[in-house]
PDB file of N, CA and C in Angstrom:
ATOM      1  N   MET A   1      11.548 -13.338  -4.482  1.00  0.00           N
ATOM      2  CA  MET A   1      12.026 -12.173  -3.850  1.00  0.00           C
ATOM      3  C   MET A   1      12.215 -12.491  -2.369  1.00  0.00           C
ATOM      4  N   SER A   2      13.323 -12.105  -1.803  1.00  0.00           N
ATOM      5  CA  SER A   2      13.558 -12.439  -0.383  1.00  0.00           C
ATOM      6  C   SER A   2      12.940 -11.454   0.563  1.00  0.00           C
ATOM      7  N   ARG A   3      12.573 -11.932   1.724  1.00  0.00           N
ATOM      8  CA  ARG A   3      12.005 -11.103   2.767  1.00  0.00           C
ATOM      9  C   ARG A   3      12.999 -10.153   3.351  1.00  0.00           C
ATOM     10  N   LEU A   4      12.534  -8.960   3.643  1.00  0.00           N
ATOM     11  CA  LEU A   4      13.406  -7.864   4.206  1.00  0.00           C
ATOM     12  C   LEU A   4      13.557  -8.077   5.706  1.00  0.00           C
ATOM     13  N   THR A   5      14.686  -7.685   6.241  1.00  0.00           N
ATOM     14  CA  THR A   5      14.883  -7.684   7.660  1.00  0.00           C
ATOM     15  C   THR A   5      14.149  -6.520   8.279  1.00  0.00           C
ATOM     16  N   ARG A   6      14.027  -6.572   9.605  1.00  0.00           N
ATOM     17  CA  ARG A   6      13.374  -5.472  10.342  1.00  0.00           C
ATOM     18  C   ARG A   6      14.046  -4.131  10.072  1.00  0.00           C
ATOM     19  N   GLU A   7      15.420  -4.159  10.083  1.00  0.00           N
ATOM     20  CA  GLU A   7      16.189  -2.932   9.836  1.00  0.00           C
ATOM     21  C   GLU A   7      15.940  -2.401   8.437  1.00  0.00           C
ATOM     22  N   GLU A   8      15.916  -3.293   7.470  1.00  0.00           N
ATOM     23  CA  GLU A   8      15.658  -2.866   6.107  1.00  0.00           C
ATOM     24  C   GLU A   8      14.228  -2.307   5.946  1.00  0.00           C
ATOM     25  N   ILE A   9      13.288  -2.887   6.631  1.00  0.00           N
ATOM     26  CA  ILE A   9      11.870  -2.368   6.576  1.00  0.00           C
ATOM     27  C   ILE A   9      11.824  -0.971   7.198  1.00  0.00           C
ATOM     28  N   LEU A  10      12.460  -0.781   8.345  1.00  0.00           N
ATOM     29  CA  LEU A  10      12.462   0.519   9.016  1.00  0.00           C
ATOM     30  C   LEU A  10      13.108   1.564   8.186  1.00  0.00           C
ATOM     31  N   ALA A  11      14.190   1.229   7.538  1.00  0.00           N
ATOM     32  CA  ALA A  11      14.893   2.183   6.655  1.00  0.00           C
ATOM     33  C   ALA A  11      14.011   2.614   5.488  1.00  0.00           C
ATOM     34  N   ARG A  12      13.331   1.666   4.905  1.00  0.00           N
ATOM     35  CA  ARG A  12      12.450   1.989   3.773  1.00  0.00           C
ATOM     36  C   ARG A  12      11.243   2.777   4.197  1.00  0.00           C
ATOM     37  N   LEU A  13      10.736   2.538   5.379  1.00  0.00           N
ATOM     38  CA  LEU A  13       9.601   3.266   5.922  1.00  0.00           C
ATOM     39  C   LEU A  13       9.903   4.749   6.109  1.00  0.00           C
ATOM     40  N   GLU A  14      11.213   5.078   6.332  1.00  0.00           N
ATOM     41  CA  GLU A  14      11.565   6.489   6.473  1.00  0.00           C
ATOM     42  C   GLU A  14      11.219   7.278   5.207  1.00  0.00           C
ATOM     43  N   LYS A  15      11.229   6.599   4.058  1.00  0.00           N
ATOM     44  CA  LYS A  15      10.944   7.281   2.787  1.00  0.00           C
ATOM     45  C   LYS A  15       9.449   7.271   2.493  1.00  0.00           C
ATOM     46  N   LEU A  16       8.674   6.464   3.252  1.00  0.00           N
ATOM     47  CA  LEU A  16       7.240   6.404   3.095  1.00  0.00           C
ATOM     48  C   LEU A  16       6.580   6.590   4.436  1.00  0.00           C
ATOM     49  N   PRO A  17       6.606   7.835   4.961  1.00  0.00           N
ATOM     50  CA  PRO A  17       6.261   8.073   6.390  1.00  0.00           C
ATOM     51  C   PRO A  17       4.783   7.820   6.735  1.00  0.00           C
ATOM     52  N   ASP A  18       3.886   7.704   5.779  1.00  0.00           N
ATOM     53  CA  ASP A  18       2.502   7.492   6.066  1.00  0.00           C
ATOM     54  C   ASP A  18       2.176   5.960   6.210  1.00  0.00           C
ATOM     55  N   TRP A  19       3.166   5.147   5.862  1.00  0.00           N
ATOM     56  CA  TRP A  19       3.020   3.660   5.958  1.00  0.00           C
ATOM     57  C   TRP A  19       3.520   3.220   7.295  1.00  0.00           C
ATOM     58  N   HIS A  20       2.939   2.138   7.795  1.00  0.00           N
ATOM     59  CA  HIS A  20       3.345   1.565   9.116  1.00  0.00           C
ATOM     60  C   HIS A  20       3.620   0.120   8.993  1.00  0.00           C
ATOM     61  N   HIS A  21       4.587  -0.353   9.766  1.00  0.00           N
ATOM     62  CA  HIS A  21       4.965  -1.776   9.889  1.00  0.00           C
ATOM     63  C   HIS A  21       3.927  -2.393  10.807  1.00  0.00           C
ATOM     64  N   ARG A  22       3.237  -3.412  10.351  1.00  0.00           N
ATOM     65  CA  ARG A  22       2.266  -4.121  11.197  1.00  0.00           C
ATOM     66  C   ARG A  22       2.392  -5.651  10.948  1.00  0.00           C
ATOM     67  N   GLY A  23       3.068  -6.345  11.850  1.00  0.00           N
ATOM     68  CA  GLY A  23       3.216  -7.772  11.649  1.00  0.00           C
ATOM     69  C   GLY A  23       4.062  -8.095  10.441  1.00  0.00           C
ATOM     70  N   ASN A  24       3.568  -8.899   9.604  1.00  0.00           N
ATOM     71  CA  ASN A  24       4.279  -9.280   8.316  1.00  0.00           C
ATOM     72  C   ASN A  24       3.846  -8.399   7.169  1.00  0.00           C
ATOM     73  N   ALA A  25       3.461  -7.170   7.455  1.00  0.00           N
ATOM     74  CA  ALA A  25       2.938  -6.352   6.374  1.00  0.00           C
ATOM     75  C   ALA A  25       3.282  -4.857   6.635  1.00  0.00           C
ATOM     76  N   ILE A  26       3.072  -4.042   5.635  1.00  0.00           N
ATOM     77  CA  ILE A  26       3.071  -2.606   5.812  1.00  0.00           C
ATOM     78  C   ILE A  26       1.622  -2.145   5.444  1.00  0.00           C
ATOM     79  N   GLU A  27       1.191  -1.083   6.130  1.00  0.00           N
ATOM     80  CA  GLU A  27      -0.216  -0.654   6.007  1.00  0.00           C
ATOM     81  C   GLU A  27      -0.352   0.817   5.977  1.00  0.00           C
ATOM     82  N   ARG A  28      -1.346   1.323   5.330  1.00  0.00           N
ATOM     83  CA  ARG A  28      -1.623   2.737   5.322  1.00  0.00           C
ATOM     84  C   ARG A  28      -3.173   2.892   5.148  1.00  0.00           C
ATOM     85  N   GLN A  29      -3.723   3.867   5.872  1.00  0.00           N
ATOM     86  CA  GLN A  29      -5.133   4.242   5.749  1.00  0.00           C
ATOM     87  C   GLN A  29      -5.260   5.525   4.964  1.00  0.00           C
ATOM     88  N   PHE A  30      -6.241   5.594   4.127  1.00  0.00           N
ATOM     89  CA  PHE A  30      -6.497   6.750   3.257  1.00  0.00           C
ATOM     90  C   PHE A  30      -7.912   7.293   3.511  1.00  0.00           C
ATOM     91  N   ASP A  31      -8.024   8.587   3.642  1.00  0.00           N
ATOM     92  CA  ASP A  31      -9.288   9.241   3.759  1.00  0.00           C
ATOM     93  C   ASP A  31      -9.727   9.705   2.386  1.00  0.00           C
ATOM     94  N   CYS A  32     -10.783   9.129   1.860  1.00  0.00           N
ATOM     95  CA  CYS A  32     -11.250   9.420   0.518  1.00  0.00           C
ATOM     96  C   CYS A  32     -12.465  10.285   0.470  1.00  0.00           C
ATOM     97  N   GLU A  33     -12.889  10.852   1.583  1.00  0.00           N
ATOM     98  CA  GLU A  33     -13.992  11.835   1.779  1.00  0.00           C
ATOM     99  C   GLU A  33     -15.365  11.235   1.599  1.00  0.00           C
ATOM    100  N   THR A  34     -15.617  10.441   0.566  1.00  0.00           N
ATOM    101  CA  THR A  34     -16.913   9.887   0.253  1.00  0.00           C
ATOM    102  C   THR A  34     -16.774   8.442  -0.097  1.00  0.00           C
ATOM    103  N   PHE A  35     -17.860   7.722  -0.156  1.00  0.00           N
ATOM    104  CA  PHE A  35     -17.811   6.299  -0.596  1.00  0.00           C
ATOM    105  C   PHE A  35     -17.411   6.242  -2.076  1.00  0.00           C
ATOM    106  N   ASP A  36     -17.968   7.172  -2.900  1.00  0.00           N
ATOM    107  CA  ASP A  36     -17.560   7.208  -4.316  1.00  0.00           C
ATOM    108  C   ASP A  36     -16.076   7.444  -4.465  1.00  0.00           C
ATOM    109  N   GLY A  37     -15.515   8.343  -3.662  1.00  0.00           N
ATOM    110  CA  GLY A  37     -14.111   8.625  -3.647  1.00  0.00           C
ATOM    111  C   GLY A  37     -13.318   7.362  -3.266  1.00  0.00           C
ATOM    112  N   SER A  38     -13.795   6.581  -2.331  1.00  0.00           N
ATOM    113  CA  SER A  38     -13.123   5.357  -1.942  1.00  0.00           C
ATOM    114  C   SER A  38     -13.074   4.353  -3.079  1.00  0.00           C
ATOM    115  N   MET A  39     -14.203   4.258  -3.780  1.00  0.00           N
ATOM    116  CA  MET A  39     -14.304   3.315  -4.883  1.00  0.00           C
ATOM    117  C   MET A  39     -13.398   3.757  -6.039  1.00  0.00           C
ATOM    118  N   LYS A  40     -13.362   5.034  -6.345  1.00  0.00           N
ATOM    119  CA  LYS A  40     -12.495   5.497  -7.397  1.00  0.00           C
ATOM    120  C   LYS A  40     -11.020   5.200  -7.038  1.00  0.00           C
ATOM    121  N   PHE A  41     -10.688   5.489  -5.785  1.00  0.00           N
ATOM    122  CA  PHE A  41      -9.298   5.214  -5.337  1.00  0.00           C
ATOM    123  C   PHE A  41      -8.950   3.746  -5.430  1.00  0.00           C
ATOM    124  N   VAL A  42      -9.879   2.922  -4.977  1.00  0.00           N
ATOM    125  CA  VAL A  42      -9.634   1.415  -5.026  1.00  0.00           C
ATOM    126  C   VAL A  42      -9.465   0.960  -6.468  1.00  0.00           C
ATOM    127  N   ASN A  43     -10.229   1.509  -7.404  1.00  0.00           N
ATOM    128  CA  ASN A  43     -10.062   1.127  -8.814  1.00  0.00           C
ATOM    129  C   ASN A  43      -8.715   1.558  -9.337  1.00  0.00           C
ATOM    130  N   ALA A  44      -8.255   2.704  -8.927  1.00  0.00           N
ATOM    131  CA  ALA A  44      -6.877   3.196  -9.374  1.00  0.00           C
ATOM    132  C   ALA A  44      -5.801   2.268  -8.763  1.00  0.00           C
ATOM    133  N   VAL A  45      -5.999   1.919  -7.529  1.00  0.00           N
ATOM    134  CA  VAL A  45      -5.062   1.035  -6.829  1.00  0.00           C
ATOM    135  C   VAL A  45      -5.052  -0.382  -7.571  1.00  0.00           C
ATOM    136  N   ALA A  46      -6.200  -0.832  -7.853  1.00  0.00           N
ATOM    137  CA  ALA A  46      -6.338  -2.131  -8.555  1.00  0.00           C
ATOM    138  C   ALA A  46      -5.608  -2.132  -9.884  1.00  0.00           C
ATOM    139  N   ALA A  47      -5.728  -1.043 -10.679  1.00  0.00           N
ATOM    140  CA  ALA A  47      -4.990  -0.983 -11.939  1.00  0.00           C
ATOM    141  C   ALA A  47      -3.490  -0.973 -11.703  1.00  0.00           C
ATOM    142  N   ALA A  48      -3.034  -0.254 -10.739  1.00  0.00           N
ATOM    143  CA  ALA A  48      -1.592  -0.247 -10.415  1.00  0.00           C
ATOM    144  C   ALA A  48      -1.139  -1.614  -9.889  1.00  0.00           C
ATOM    145  N   ALA A  49      -1.938  -2.245  -9.082  1.00  0.00           N
ATOM    146  CA  ALA A  49      -1.575  -3.575  -8.558  1.00  0.00           C
ATOM    147  C   ALA A  49      -1.542  -4.614  -9.666  1.00  0.00           C
ATOM    148  N   ASN A  50      -2.509  -4.560 -10.539  1.00  0.00           N
ATOM    149  CA  ASN A  50      -2.530  -5.501 -11.699  1.00  0.00           C
ATOM    150  C   ASN A  50      -1.239  -5.319 -12.575  1.00  0.00           C
ATOM    151  N   ALA A  51      -0.875  -4.020 -12.776  1.00  0.00           N
ATOM    152  CA  ALA A  51       0.328  -3.711 -13.596  1.00  0.00           C
ATOM    153  C   ALA A  51       1.567  -4.231 -12.928  1.00  0.00           C
ATOM    154  N   ALA A  52       1.605  -4.252 -11.571  1.00  0.00           N
ATOM    155  CA  ALA A  52       2.772  -4.689 -10.838  1.00  0.00           C
ATOM    156  C   ALA A  52       2.690  -6.232 -10.545  1.00  0.00           C
ATOM    157  N   ASP A  53       1.556  -6.810 -10.862  1.00  0.00           N
ATOM    158  CA  ASP A  53       1.307  -8.204 -10.523  1.00  0.00           C
ATOM    159  C   ASP A  53       1.570  -8.472  -9.005  1.00  0.00           C
ATOM    160  N   HIS A  54       1.092  -7.541  -8.202  1.00  0.00           N
ATOM    161  CA  HIS A  54       1.219  -7.607  -6.728  1.00  0.00           C
ATOM    162  C   HIS A  54      -0.002  -6.946  -6.138  1.00  0.00           C
ATOM    163  N   HIS A  55      -0.784  -7.715  -5.388  1.00  0.00           N
ATOM    164  CA  HIS A  55      -2.116  -7.258  -4.989  1.00  0.00           C
ATOM    165  C   HIS A  55      -2.215  -7.101  -3.458  1.00  0.00           C
ATOM    166  N   PRO A  56      -2.654  -5.896  -3.048  1.00  0.00           N
ATOM    167  CA  PRO A  56      -2.808  -5.668  -1.650  1.00  0.00           C
ATOM    168  C   PRO A  56      -4.120  -6.180  -1.097  1.00  0.00           C
ATOM    169  N   ASP A  57      -4.148  -6.397   0.217  1.00  0.00           N
ATOM    170  CA  ASP A  57      -5.422  -6.588   0.925  1.00  0.00           C
ATOM    171  C   ASP A  57      -6.078  -5.176   1.056  1.00  0.00           C
ATOM    172  N   ILE A  58      -7.338  -5.083   0.723  1.00  0.00           N
ATOM    173  CA  ILE A  58      -7.980  -3.768   0.733  1.00  0.00           C
ATOM    174  C   ILE A  58      -9.234  -3.845   1.649  1.00  0.00           C
ATOM    175  N   THR A  59      -9.345  -2.897   2.538  1.00  0.00           N
ATOM    176  CA  THR A  59     -10.510  -2.831   3.415  1.00  0.00           C
ATOM    177  C   THR A  59     -11.163  -1.444   3.154  1.00  0.00           C
ATOM    178  N   ILE A  60     -12.426  -1.456   2.875  1.00  0.00           N
ATOM    179  CA  ILE A  60     -13.167  -0.213   2.566  1.00  0.00           C
ATOM    180  C   ILE A  60     -14.195   0.014   3.669  1.00  0.00           C
ATOM    181  N   CYS A  61     -14.117   1.129   4.317  1.00  0.00           N
ATOM    182  CA  CYS A  61     -15.088   1.557   5.350  1.00  0.00           C
ATOM    183  C   CYS A  61     -15.613   2.922   4.958  1.00  0.00           C
ATOM    184  N   TRP A  62     -16.612   2.936   4.140  1.00  0.00           N
ATOM    185  CA  TRP A  62     -17.280   4.100   3.626  1.00  0.00           C
ATOM    186  C   TRP A  62     -16.284   5.067   2.958  1.00  0.00           C
ATOM    187  N   ASN A  63     -15.746   6.047   3.740  1.00  0.00           N
ATOM    188  CA  ASN A  63     -14.845   7.049   3.180  1.00  0.00           C
ATOM    189  C   ASN A  63     -13.357   6.742   3.457  1.00  0.00           C
ATOM    190  N   ARG A  64     -13.112   5.579   4.078  1.00  0.00           N
ATOM    191  CA  ARG A  64     -11.715   5.245   4.422  1.00  0.00           C
ATOM    192  C   ARG A  64     -11.326   3.934   3.726  1.00  0.00           C
ATOM    193  N   VAL A  65     -10.136   3.897   3.243  1.00  0.00           N
ATOM    194  CA  VAL A  65      -9.597   2.696   2.615  1.00  0.00           C
ATOM    195  C   VAL A  65      -8.261   2.333   3.302  1.00  0.00           C
ATOM    196  N   THR A  66      -8.133   1.114   3.709  1.00  0.00           N
ATOM    197  CA  THR A  66      -6.863   0.661   4.268  1.00  0.00           C
ATOM    198  C   THR A  66      -6.249  -0.386   3.317  1.00  0.00           C
ATOM    199  N   LEU A  67      -5.016  -0.123   2.966  1.00  0.00           N
ATOM    200  CA  LEU A  67      -4.232  -1.053   2.163  1.00  0.00           C
ATOM    201  C   LEU A  67      -3.196  -1.770   3.006  1.00  0.00           C
ATOM    202  N   THR A  68      -3.160  -3.039   2.892  1.00  0.00           N
ATOM    203  CA  THR A  68      -2.170  -3.868   3.640  1.00  0.00           C
ATOM    204  C   THR A  68      -1.344  -4.602   2.581  1.00  0.00           C
ATOM    205  N   LEU A  69      -0.042  -4.384   2.627  1.00  0.00           N
ATOM    206  CA  LEU A  69       0.872  -5.017   1.640  1.00  0.00           C
ATOM    207  C   LEU A  69       1.783  -6.037   2.283  1.00  0.00           C
ATOM    208  N   SER A  70       1.772  -7.221   1.735  1.00  0.00           N
ATOM    209  CA  SER A  70       2.676  -8.282   2.200  1.00  0.00           C
ATOM    210  C   SER A  70       2.924  -9.244   1.044  1.00  0.00           C
ATOM    211  N   SER A  71       4.078  -9.788   0.963  1.00  0.00           N
ATOM    212  CA  SER A  71       4.406 -10.758  -0.063  1.00  0.00           C
ATOM    213  C   SER A  71       4.164 -12.140   0.495  1.00  0.00           C
ATOM    214  N   HIS A  72       2.999 -12.667   0.285  1.00  0.00           N
ATOM    215  CA  HIS A  72       2.585 -13.960   0.848  1.00  0.00           C
ATOM    216  C   HIS A  72       3.516 -15.094   0.470  1.00  0.00           C
ATOM    217  N   ASP A  73       4.041 -15.055  -0.747  1.00  0.00           N
ATOM    218  CA  ASP A  73       4.946 -16.113  -1.199  1.00  0.00           C
ATOM    219  C   ASP A  73       6.279 -16.091  -0.455  1.00  0.00           C
ATOM    220  N   ALA A  74       6.620 -14.925   0.121  1.00  0.00           N
ATOM    221  CA  ALA A  74       7.870 -14.830   0.902  1.00  0.00           C
ATOM    222  C   ALA A  74       7.577 -14.824   2.396  1.00  0.00           C
ATOM    223  N   ASP A  75       6.244 -14.908   2.759  1.00  0.00           N
ATOM    224  CA  ASP A  75       5.817 -14.895   4.164  1.00  0.00           C
ATOM    225  C   ASP A  75       6.320 -13.649   4.897  1.00  0.00           C
ATOM    226  N   GLY A  76       6.207 -12.519   4.237  1.00  0.00           N
ATOM    227  CA  GLY A  76       6.639 -11.307   4.892  1.00  0.00           C
ATOM    228  C   GLY A  76       6.704 -10.151   3.910  1.00  0.00           C
ATOM    229  N   ILE A  77       7.483  -9.168   4.257  1.00  0.00           N
ATOM    230  CA  ILE A  77       7.597  -7.908   3.481  1.00  0.00           C
ATOM    231  C   ILE A  77       8.874  -8.040   2.587  1.00  0.00           C
ATOM    232  N   THR A  78       8.643  -7.663   1.304  1.00  0.00           N
ATOM    233  CA  THR A  78       9.741  -7.647   0.351  1.00  0.00           C
ATOM    234  C   THR A  78       9.826  -6.266  -0.345  1.00  0.00           C
ATOM    235  N   GLU A  79      10.807  -6.141  -1.154  1.00  0.00           N
ATOM    236  CA  GLU A  79      10.937  -4.897  -1.920  1.00  0.00           C
ATOM    237  C   GLU A  79       9.722  -4.625  -2.800  1.00  0.00           C
ATOM    238  N   ARG A  80       9.051  -5.666  -3.239  1.00  0.00           N
ATOM    239  CA  ARG A  80       7.845  -5.531  -4.074  1.00  0.00           C
ATOM    240  C   ARG A  80       6.754  -4.759  -3.331  1.00  0.00           C
ATOM    241  N   ASP A  81       6.639  -4.962  -1.991  1.00  0.00           N
ATOM    242  CA  ASP A  81       5.646  -4.212  -1.236  1.00  0.00           C
ATOM    243  C   ASP A  81       5.957  -2.707  -1.203  1.00  0.00           C
ATOM    244  N   PHE A  82       7.266  -2.372  -1.054  1.00  0.00           N
ATOM    245  CA  PHE A  82       7.585  -0.954  -1.002  1.00  0.00           C
ATOM    246  C   PHE A  82       7.436  -0.284  -2.352  1.00  0.00           C
ATOM    247  N   LYS A  83       7.688  -1.035  -3.443  1.00  0.00           N
ATOM    248  CA  LYS A  83       7.496  -0.494  -4.734  1.00  0.00           C
ATOM    249  C   LYS A  83       5.987  -0.144  -5.015  1.00  0.00           C
ATOM    250  N   LEU A  84       5.155  -1.048  -4.599  1.00  0.00           N
ATOM    251  CA  LEU A  84       3.711  -0.742  -4.725  1.00  0.00           C
ATOM    252  C   LEU A  84       3.266   0.334  -3.871  1.00  0.00           C
ATOM    253  N   ALA A  85       3.746   0.431  -2.645  1.00  0.00           N
ATOM    254  CA  ALA A  85       3.442   1.511  -1.665  1.00  0.00           C
ATOM    255  C   ALA A  85       3.819   2.839  -2.316  1.00  0.00           C
ATOM    256  N   ALA A  86       5.019   2.909  -2.864  1.00  0.00           N
ATOM    257  CA  ALA A  86       5.426   4.176  -3.506  1.00  0.00           C
ATOM    258  C   ALA A  86       4.549   4.538  -4.677  1.00  0.00           C
ATOM    259  N   THR A  87       4.123   3.548  -5.462  1.00  0.00           N
ATOM    260  CA  THR A  87       3.199   3.810  -6.581  1.00  0.00           C
ATOM    261  C   THR A  87       1.890   4.329  -6.056  1.00  0.00           C
ATOM    262  N   VAL A  88       1.390   3.745  -5.004  1.00  0.00           N
ATOM    263  CA  VAL A  88       0.112   4.242  -4.442  1.00  0.00           C
ATOM    264  C   VAL A  88       0.275   5.629  -3.943  1.00  0.00           C
ATOM    265  N   ASP A  89       1.422   5.943  -3.263  1.00  0.00           N
ATOM    266  CA  ASP A  89       1.616   7.301  -2.773  1.00  0.00           C
ATOM    267  C   ASP A  89       1.628   8.313  -3.993  1.00  0.00           C
ATOM    268  N   THR A  90       2.123   7.890  -5.104  1.00  0.00           N
ATOM    269  CA  THR A  90       2.099   8.756  -6.303  1.00  0.00           C
ATOM    270  C   THR A  90       0.672   8.957  -6.788  1.00  0.00           C
ATOM    271  N   LEU A  91      -0.133   7.890  -6.743  1.00  0.00           N
ATOM    272  CA  LEU A  91      -1.552   8.083  -7.061  1.00  0.00           C
ATOM    273  C   LEU A  91      -2.269   9.076  -6.163  1.00  0.00           C
ATOM    274  N   VAL A  92      -1.974   9.012  -4.888  1.00  0.00           N
ATOM    275  CA  VAL A  92      -2.576   9.893  -3.929  1.00  0.00           C
ATOM    276  C   VAL A  92      -2.134  11.351  -4.149  1.00  0.00           C
ATOM    277  N   SER A  93      -0.851  11.554  -4.451  1.00  0.00           N
ATOM    278  CA  SER A  93      -0.372  12.928  -4.668  1.00  0.00           C
ATOM    279  C   SER A  93      -1.012  13.494  -5.982  1.00  0.00           C
ATOM    280  N   LYS A  94      -1.252  12.659  -6.965  1.00  0.00           N
ATOM    281  CA  LYS A  94      -1.882  13.117  -8.215  1.00  0.00           C
ATOM    282  C   LYS A  94      -3.356  13.436  -7.974  1.00  0.00           C
ATOM    283  N   ARG A  95      -3.974  12.627  -7.089  1.00  0.00           N
ATOM    284  CA  ARG A  95      -5.395  12.797  -6.775  1.00  0.00           C
ATOM    285  C   ARG A  95      -5.630  14.125  -6.035  1.00  0.00           C
ATOM    286  N   SER A  96      -4.715  14.476  -5.193  1.00  0.00           N
ATOM    287  CA  SER A  96      -4.896  15.719  -4.352  1.00  0.00           C
ATOM    288  C   SER A  96      -4.362  16.931  -5.035  1.00  0.00           C
ATOM    289  N   ALA A  97      -3.710  16.778  -6.182  1.00  0.00           N
ATOM    290  CA  ALA A  97      -3.132  17.940  -6.901  1.00  0.00           C
ATOM    291  C   ALA A  97      -4.189  18.722  -7.670  1.00  0.00           C
TER     292      ALA A  97
END
């Protein structure tokens, strides 16, 4: 999969307003309220990532989880990153419903 241009990245971020372009990645921080909430969220993300065969970098700080998505094989951001970001956003909306 080919790397997206800066313009393509910015256009796709308009549809995912909670995600931010940071270097060769897109990133989002999630407030999970508790450590248990963070772990449940990370497990749900892991299942989605395994299904997509695309795995984010995950940082857990008690009640906060930061996901960083980058396609290392393309040395940057690809469509695959945005597909997983959208899937994660769907998980979040289901969790808060």
